[in-house]
Amino acid sequence: MTETTRTTVTLSEFNMSLVEDLIGILGNTRAQVISAIVERYLQNEQTIALIEKLKSIKMDKEEEIRKEKARKPEIIEKKIENLRISTDTLSIKSFLNYLKIDLEFFYNNLPVWKQKYKFELDQELIQFL
């Protein structure tokens, strides 16, 4: 048997009257009719494509939120200090991945960070002084 989950749905009177008109056709109760309608809607190819697009938008927004949190000065300062303590040399790629920042953000902050955290760039490496 298929696993199910319950929820409560509130519909306008007009929509509920449409649901009631379908009792006996799509199901024997309001809940069965609404369930049948929702299942058919969610299994439609156009709806599936729309859902995938909306999921992608949601993931992009969540990624942007993560990036914004990662860019907080107190978080970056702590992470850079951790790096200074644990290594002398680090690739820029590893640095970016650890800080969860992009290359543009890195270069925008590079002059301040180089002075504050005492490091130099040597080709693709960061060398802590």
N, C-alpha and C. Protein backbone atom coordinates (compact mmCIF):
# COMPACT_ATOMS: atom_id res chain seq x y z
N MET A 1 0.84 -1.18 0.00
CA MET A 1 0.00 0.00 0.00
C MET A 1 0.88 1.25 0.00
N THR A 2 0.48 2.27 -0.70
CA THR A 2 1.23 3.52 -0.81
C THR A 2 1.19 4.28 0.51
N GLU A 3 2.37 4.83 0.88
CA GLU A 3 2.41 5.66 2.08
C GLU A 3 1.69 6.97 1.79
N THR A 4 0.98 7.48 2.77
CA THR A 4 0.24 8.72 2.60
C THR A 4 0.52 9.66 3.75
N THR A 5 0.22 10.93 3.53
CA THR A 5 0.34 11.95 4.55
C THR A 5 -0.92 12.78 4.52
N ARG A 6 -1.38 13.20 5.68
CA ARG A 6 -2.60 14.00 5.75
C ARG A 6 -2.26 15.48 5.84
N THR A 7 -3.17 16.30 5.32
CA THR A 7 -3.06 17.74 5.44
C THR A 7 -4.47 18.32 5.43
N THR A 8 -4.57 19.58 5.72
CA THR A 8 -5.86 20.27 5.68
C THR A 8 -5.82 21.26 4.54
N VAL A 9 -6.89 21.32 3.77
CA VAL A 9 -6.98 22.23 2.64
C VAL A 9 -8.18 23.14 2.84
N THR A 10 -7.97 24.43 2.61
CA THR A 10 -9.06 25.39 2.67
C THR A 10 -9.31 25.88 1.25
N LEU A 11 -10.55 25.75 0.80
CA LEU A 11 -10.92 26.18 -0.54
C LEU A 11 -12.04 27.20 -0.47
N SER A 12 -12.12 28.02 -1.51
CA SER A 12 -13.24 28.96 -1.59
C SER A 12 -14.53 28.16 -1.78
N GLU A 13 -15.66 28.79 -1.51
CA GLU A 13 -16.94 28.11 -1.68
C GLU A 13 -17.14 27.66 -3.12
N PHE A 14 -16.72 28.48 -4.07
CA PHE A 14 -16.86 28.12 -5.48
C PHE A 14 -16.07 26.83 -5.79
N ASN A 15 -14.82 26.79 -5.37
CA ASN A 15 -14.00 25.60 -5.64
C ASN A 15 -14.53 24.38 -4.90
N MET A 16 -15.02 24.59 -3.69
CA MET A 16 -15.57 23.45 -2.94
C MET A 16 -16.83 22.93 -3.63
N SER A 17 -17.61 23.81 -4.23
CA SER A 17 -18.81 23.33 -4.94
C SER A 17 -18.40 22.51 -6.16
N LEU A 18 -17.30 22.88 -6.80
CA LEU A 18 -16.79 22.07 -7.91
C LEU A 18 -16.34 20.70 -7.42
N VAL A 19 -15.68 20.69 -6.28
CA VAL A 19 -15.25 19.42 -5.68
C VAL A 19 -16.47 18.56 -5.39
N GLU A 20 -17.49 19.15 -4.80
CA GLU A 20 -18.70 18.39 -4.47
C GLU A 20 -19.40 17.86 -5.71
N ASP A 21 -19.32 18.61 -6.82
CA ASP A 21 -19.89 18.14 -8.08
C ASP A 21 -19.18 16.89 -8.59
N LEU A 22 -17.93 16.72 -8.19
CA LEU A 22 -17.14 15.57 -8.66
C LEU A 22 -17.20 14.36 -7.73
N ILE A 23 -17.92 14.50 -6.60
CA ILE A 23 -18.10 13.35 -5.71
C ILE A 23 -18.91 12.31 -6.46
N GLY A 24 -18.41 11.10 -6.44
CA GLY A 24 -19.04 10.02 -7.18
C GLY A 24 -18.37 9.80 -8.53
N ILE A 25 -17.57 10.79 -8.98
CA ILE A 25 -16.86 10.65 -10.26
C ILE A 25 -15.38 10.39 -10.01
N LEU A 26 -14.74 11.29 -9.23
CA LEU A 26 -13.32 11.13 -8.91
C LEU A 26 -13.09 10.49 -7.55
N GLY A 27 -14.09 10.37 -6.75
CA GLY A 27 -13.98 9.79 -5.43
C GLY A 27 -15.31 9.85 -4.72
N ASN A 28 -15.38 9.19 -3.58
CA ASN A 28 -16.64 9.14 -2.84
C ASN A 28 -16.75 10.19 -1.74
N THR A 29 -15.64 10.89 -1.46
CA THR A 29 -15.66 11.94 -0.44
C THR A 29 -14.91 13.16 -0.98
N ARG A 30 -15.09 14.28 -0.29
CA ARG A 30 -14.36 15.49 -0.68
C ARG A 30 -12.85 15.22 -0.70
N ALA A 31 -12.37 14.56 0.34
CA ALA A 31 -10.94 14.28 0.45
C ALA A 31 -10.45 13.43 -0.72
N GLN A 32 -11.20 12.42 -1.12
CA GLN A 32 -10.81 11.58 -2.24
C GLN A 32 -10.78 12.37 -3.55
N VAL A 33 -11.78 13.23 -3.74
CA VAL A 33 -11.83 14.05 -4.95
C VAL A 33 -10.64 14.99 -5.01
N ILE A 34 -10.40 15.70 -3.92
CA ILE A 34 -9.27 16.65 -3.87
C ILE A 34 -7.96 15.89 -4.08
N SER A 35 -7.81 14.75 -3.47
CA SER A 35 -6.61 13.94 -3.64
C SER A 35 -6.42 13.54 -5.10
N ALA A 36 -7.49 13.12 -5.76
CA ALA A 36 -7.41 12.73 -7.17
C ALA A 36 -7.00 13.92 -8.04
N ILE A 37 -7.57 15.08 -7.77
CA ILE A 37 -7.24 16.28 -8.54
C ILE A 37 -5.77 16.64 -8.36
N VAL A 38 -5.32 16.65 -7.13
CA VAL A 38 -3.92 17.02 -6.83
C VAL A 38 -2.97 16.02 -7.47
N GLU A 39 -3.26 14.73 -7.35
CA GLU A 39 -2.38 13.73 -7.94
C GLU A 39 -2.30 13.88 -9.46
N ARG A 40 -3.42 14.11 -10.11
CA ARG A 40 -3.41 14.30 -11.57
C ARG A 40 -2.64 15.55 -11.94
N TYR A 41 -2.80 16.60 -11.17
CA TYR A 41 -2.09 17.85 -11.44
C TYR A 41 -0.58 17.64 -11.30
N LEU A 42 -0.17 16.99 -10.23
CA LEU A 42 1.25 16.81 -9.97
C LEU A 42 1.92 15.82 -10.93
N GLN A 43 1.14 14.96 -11.57
CA GLN A 43 1.71 13.99 -12.50
C GLN A 43 1.69 14.48 -13.95
N ASN A 44 1.15 15.65 -14.19
CA ASN A 44 1.11 16.23 -15.52
C ASN A 44 2.53 16.65 -15.93
N GLU A 45 2.92 16.40 -17.19
CA GLU A 45 4.28 16.71 -17.65
C GLU A 45 4.61 18.19 -17.51
N GLN A 46 3.68 19.06 -17.84
CA GLN A 46 3.92 20.50 -17.72
C GLN A 46 4.12 20.90 -16.26
N THR A 47 3.35 20.30 -15.39
CA THR A 47 3.49 20.60 -13.96
C THR A 47 4.83 20.11 -13.45
N ILE A 48 5.26 18.93 -13.89
CA ILE A 48 6.55 18.40 -13.46
C ILE A 48 7.67 19.34 -13.91
N ALA A 49 7.60 19.83 -15.14
CA ALA A 49 8.60 20.78 -15.63
C ALA A 49 8.59 22.06 -14.80
N LEU A 50 7.39 22.56 -14.48
CA LEU A 50 7.27 23.76 -13.65
C LEU A 50 7.85 23.53 -12.26
N ILE A 51 7.55 22.39 -11.69
CA ILE A 51 8.07 22.07 -10.36
C ILE A 51 9.59 22.02 -10.38
N GLU A 52 10.18 21.42 -11.40
CA GLU A 52 11.64 21.36 -11.51
C GLU A 52 12.23 22.77 -11.60
N LYS A 53 11.58 23.63 -12.37
CA LYS A 53 12.05 25.01 -12.50
C LYS A 53 11.96 25.73 -11.16
N LEU A 54 10.85 25.55 -10.46
CA LEU A 54 10.67 26.19 -9.15
C LEU A 54 11.67 25.66 -8.13
N LYS A 55 11.95 24.36 -8.19
CA LYS A 55 12.95 23.78 -7.28
C LYS A 55 14.32 24.38 -7.55
N SER A 56 14.64 24.59 -8.81
CA SER A 56 15.92 25.20 -9.18
C SER A 56 16.01 26.62 -8.64
N ILE A 57 14.92 27.37 -8.78
CA ILE A 57 14.88 28.74 -8.25
C ILE A 57 15.07 28.72 -6.73
N LYS A 58 14.41 27.78 -6.07
CA LYS A 58 14.54 27.67 -4.61
C LYS A 58 15.98 27.34 -4.22
N MET A 59 16.60 26.41 -4.94
CA MET A 59 17.98 26.04 -4.63
C MET A 59 18.92 27.23 -4.84
N ASP A 60 18.69 28.01 -5.90
CA ASP A 60 19.50 29.19 -6.15
C ASP A 60 19.36 30.20 -5.02
N LYS A 61 18.13 30.40 -4.56
CA LYS A 61 17.90 31.33 -3.45
C LYS A 61 18.58 30.84 -2.17
N GLU A 62 18.47 29.54 -1.91
CA GLU A 62 19.11 28.98 -0.71
C GLU A 62 20.62 29.11 -0.79
N GLU A 63 21.19 28.91 -1.98
CA GLU A 63 22.63 29.06 -2.17
C GLU A 63 23.04 30.51 -1.94
N GLU A 64 22.26 31.44 -2.41
CA GLU A 64 22.55 32.86 -2.21
C GLU A 64 22.50 33.21 -0.72
N ILE A 65 21.55 32.64 0.00
CA ILE A 65 21.46 32.87 1.45
C ILE A 65 22.69 32.31 2.14
N ARG A 66 23.12 31.10 1.74
CA ARG A 66 24.34 30.51 2.31
C ARG A 66 25.55 31.38 2.04
N LYS A 67 25.64 31.91 0.82
CA LYS A 67 26.76 32.77 0.48
C LYS A 67 26.74 34.04 1.32
N GLU A 68 25.57 34.61 1.50
CA GLU A 68 25.46 35.84 2.30
C GLU A 68 25.89 35.58 3.74
N LYS A 69 25.46 34.44 4.29
CA LYS A 69 25.87 34.10 5.66
C LYS A 69 27.38 33.90 5.74
N ALA A 70 27.94 33.25 4.71
CA ALA A 70 29.38 32.99 4.69
C ALA A 70 30.18 34.28 4.58
N ARG A 71 29.58 35.32 4.01
CA ARG A 71 30.29 36.59 3.81
C ARG A 71 30.28 37.49 5.03
N LYS A 72 29.65 37.06 6.10
CA LYS A 72 29.64 37.88 7.31
C LYS A 72 31.08 38.02 7.80
N PRO A 73 31.48 39.24 8.10
CA PRO A 73 32.88 39.48 8.50
C PRO A 73 33.36 38.61 9.65
N GLU A 74 32.51 38.41 10.65
CA GLU A 74 32.96 37.62 11.81
C GLU A 74 33.22 36.16 11.44
N ILE A 75 32.47 35.63 10.50
CA ILE A 75 32.67 34.25 10.05
C ILE A 75 33.95 34.16 9.23
N ILE A 76 34.13 35.10 8.32
CA ILE A 76 35.34 35.10 7.48
C ILE A 76 36.59 35.28 8.34
N GLU A 77 36.55 36.21 9.28
CA GLU A 77 37.70 36.44 10.15
C GLU A 77 38.09 35.19 10.90
N LYS A 78 37.10 34.51 11.46
CA LYS A 78 37.38 33.29 12.22
C LYS A 78 38.00 32.22 11.32
N LYS A 79 37.44 32.06 10.11
CA LYS A 79 37.95 31.03 9.20
C LYS A 79 39.36 31.35 8.72
N ILE A 80 39.63 32.61 8.41
CA ILE A 80 40.97 32.96 7.96
C ILE A 80 41.98 32.77 9.09
N GLU A 81 41.59 33.14 10.30
CA GLU A 81 42.48 32.91 11.45
C GLU A 81 42.76 31.42 11.63
N ASN A 82 41.74 30.58 11.46
CA ASN A 82 41.93 29.13 11.54
C ASN A 82 42.93 28.67 10.48
N LEU A 83 42.83 29.21 9.29
CA LEU A 83 43.77 28.85 8.23
C LEU A 83 45.19 29.29 8.58
N ARG A 84 45.33 30.50 9.09
CA ARG A 84 46.66 31.02 9.45
C ARG A 84 47.34 30.12 10.47
N ILE A 85 46.56 29.61 11.40
CA ILE A 85 47.11 28.75 12.45
C ILE A 85 47.50 27.38 11.89
N SER A 86 46.72 26.88 10.95
CA SER A 86 46.90 25.49 10.52
C SER A 86 47.77 25.28 9.29
N THR A 87 48.06 26.33 8.52
CA THR A 87 48.85 26.12 7.31
C THR A 87 49.65 27.36 6.95
N ASP A 88 50.71 27.15 6.17
CA ASP A 88 51.51 28.26 5.67
C ASP A 88 51.13 28.62 4.24
N THR A 89 50.73 27.59 3.49
CA THR A 89 50.41 27.78 2.07
C THR A 89 49.12 27.06 1.75
N LEU A 90 48.32 27.69 0.91
CA LEU A 90 47.01 27.14 0.55
C LEU A 90 46.66 27.60 -0.86
N SER A 91 46.05 26.73 -1.64
CA SER A 91 45.64 27.14 -2.98
C SER A 91 44.46 28.11 -2.86
N ILE A 92 44.35 28.99 -3.83
CA ILE A 92 43.24 29.94 -3.84
C ILE A 92 41.92 29.19 -3.90
N LYS A 93 41.89 28.12 -4.69
CA LYS A 93 40.67 27.32 -4.82
C LYS A 93 40.24 26.75 -3.47
N SER A 94 41.18 26.21 -2.72
CA SER A 94 40.86 25.68 -1.39
C SER A 94 40.39 26.78 -0.45
N PHE A 95 41.04 27.92 -0.56
CA PHE A 95 40.67 29.09 0.25
C PHE A 95 39.22 29.49 -0.03
N LEU A 96 38.87 29.59 -1.31
CA LEU A 96 37.52 29.96 -1.70
C LEU A 96 36.50 28.93 -1.23
N ASN A 97 36.82 27.66 -1.41
CA ASN A 97 35.91 26.60 -0.98
C ASN A 97 35.71 26.61 0.53
N TYR A 98 36.78 26.80 1.28
CA TYR A 98 36.67 26.81 2.74
C TYR A 98 35.85 28.00 3.23
N LEU A 99 36.07 29.15 2.61
CA LEU A 99 35.31 30.34 3.02
C LEU A 99 33.92 30.39 2.41
N LYS A 100 33.67 29.55 1.41
CA LYS A 100 32.39 29.52 0.69
C LYS A 100 32.11 30.88 0.05
N ILE A 101 33.11 31.37 -0.66
CA ILE A 101 32.98 32.63 -1.38
C ILE A 101 33.37 32.43 -2.83
N ASP A 102 33.03 33.40 -3.68
CA ASP A 102 33.42 33.31 -5.08
C ASP A 102 34.65 34.17 -5.33
N LEU A 103 35.20 34.01 -6.53
CA LEU A 103 36.44 34.70 -6.89
C LEU A 103 36.27 36.22 -6.88
N GLU A 104 35.13 36.71 -7.32
CA GLU A 104 34.89 38.16 -7.34
C GLU A 104 34.92 38.74 -5.93
N PHE A 105 34.26 38.06 -5.00
CA PHE A 105 34.25 38.52 -3.61
C PHE A 105 35.67 38.49 -3.03
N PHE A 106 36.42 37.46 -3.38
CA PHE A 106 37.81 37.33 -2.94
C PHE A 106 38.63 38.52 -3.41
N TYR A 107 38.59 38.81 -4.72
CA TYR A 107 39.40 39.90 -5.25
C TYR A 107 38.93 41.27 -4.76
N ASN A 108 37.65 41.42 -4.49
CA ASN A 108 37.15 42.69 -3.95
C ASN A 108 37.69 42.95 -2.54
N ASN A 109 37.93 41.89 -1.79
CA ASN A 109 38.40 42.02 -0.41
C ASN A 109 39.90 41.79 -0.25
N LEU A 110 40.56 41.40 -1.32
CA LEU A 110 41.96 41.02 -1.25
C LEU A 110 42.87 42.09 -0.65
N PRO A 111 42.81 43.34 -1.06
CA PRO A 111 43.73 44.32 -0.47
C PRO A 111 43.62 44.43 1.05
N VAL A 112 42.41 44.44 1.54
CA VAL A 112 42.20 44.54 2.99
C VAL A 112 42.67 43.27 3.69
N TRP A 113 42.31 42.11 3.14
CA TRP A 113 42.67 40.85 3.77
C TRP A 113 44.18 40.63 3.77
N LYS A 114 44.84 40.98 2.67
CA LYS A 114 46.30 40.80 2.60
C LYS A 114 46.98 41.56 3.73
N GLN A 115 46.52 42.76 3.96
CA GLN A 115 47.13 43.58 5.00
C GLN A 115 46.74 43.09 6.39
N LYS A 116 45.47 42.79 6.58
CA LYS A 116 44.97 42.40 7.90
C LYS A 116 45.48 41.03 8.33
N TYR A 117 45.50 40.06 7.39
CA TYR A 117 45.86 38.69 7.75
C TYR A 117 47.26 38.31 7.31
N LYS A 118 47.98 39.25 6.77
CA LYS A 118 49.38 39.08 6.41
C LYS A 118 49.62 37.85 5.53
N PHE A 119 49.14 37.94 4.30
CA PHE A 119 49.45 36.90 3.34
C PHE A 119 49.73 37.52 1.98
N GLU A 120 50.38 36.73 1.15
CA GLU A 120 50.73 37.14 -0.20
C GLU A 120 50.21 36.10 -1.18
N LEU A 121 50.04 36.54 -2.42
CA LEU A 121 49.65 35.62 -3.49
C LEU A 121 50.89 35.27 -4.30
N ASP A 122 51.06 34.00 -4.55
CA ASP A 122 52.15 33.54 -5.40
C ASP A 122 51.53 32.61 -6.43
N GLN A 123 51.22 33.13 -7.61
CA GLN A 123 50.51 32.44 -8.67
C GLN A 123 49.15 31.99 -8.14
N GLU A 124 48.92 30.72 -7.97
CA GLU A 124 47.62 30.22 -7.50
C GLU A 124 47.64 29.85 -6.01
N LEU A 125 48.64 30.34 -5.29
CA LEU A 125 48.77 29.98 -3.88
C LEU A 125 48.69 31.21 -2.98
N ILE A 126 48.18 30.99 -1.80
CA ILE A 126 48.18 32.00 -0.74
C ILE A 126 49.24 31.57 0.25
N GLN A 127 50.16 32.48 0.53
CA GLN A 127 51.23 32.18 1.50
C GLN A 127 51.06 33.11 2.69
N PHE A 128 50.83 32.50 3.84
CA PHE A 128 50.71 33.29 5.06
C PHE A 128 52.11 33.65 5.53
N LEU A 129 52.28 34.89 5.93
CA LEU A 129 53.59 35.37 6.37
C LEU A 129 53.77 35.21 7.86
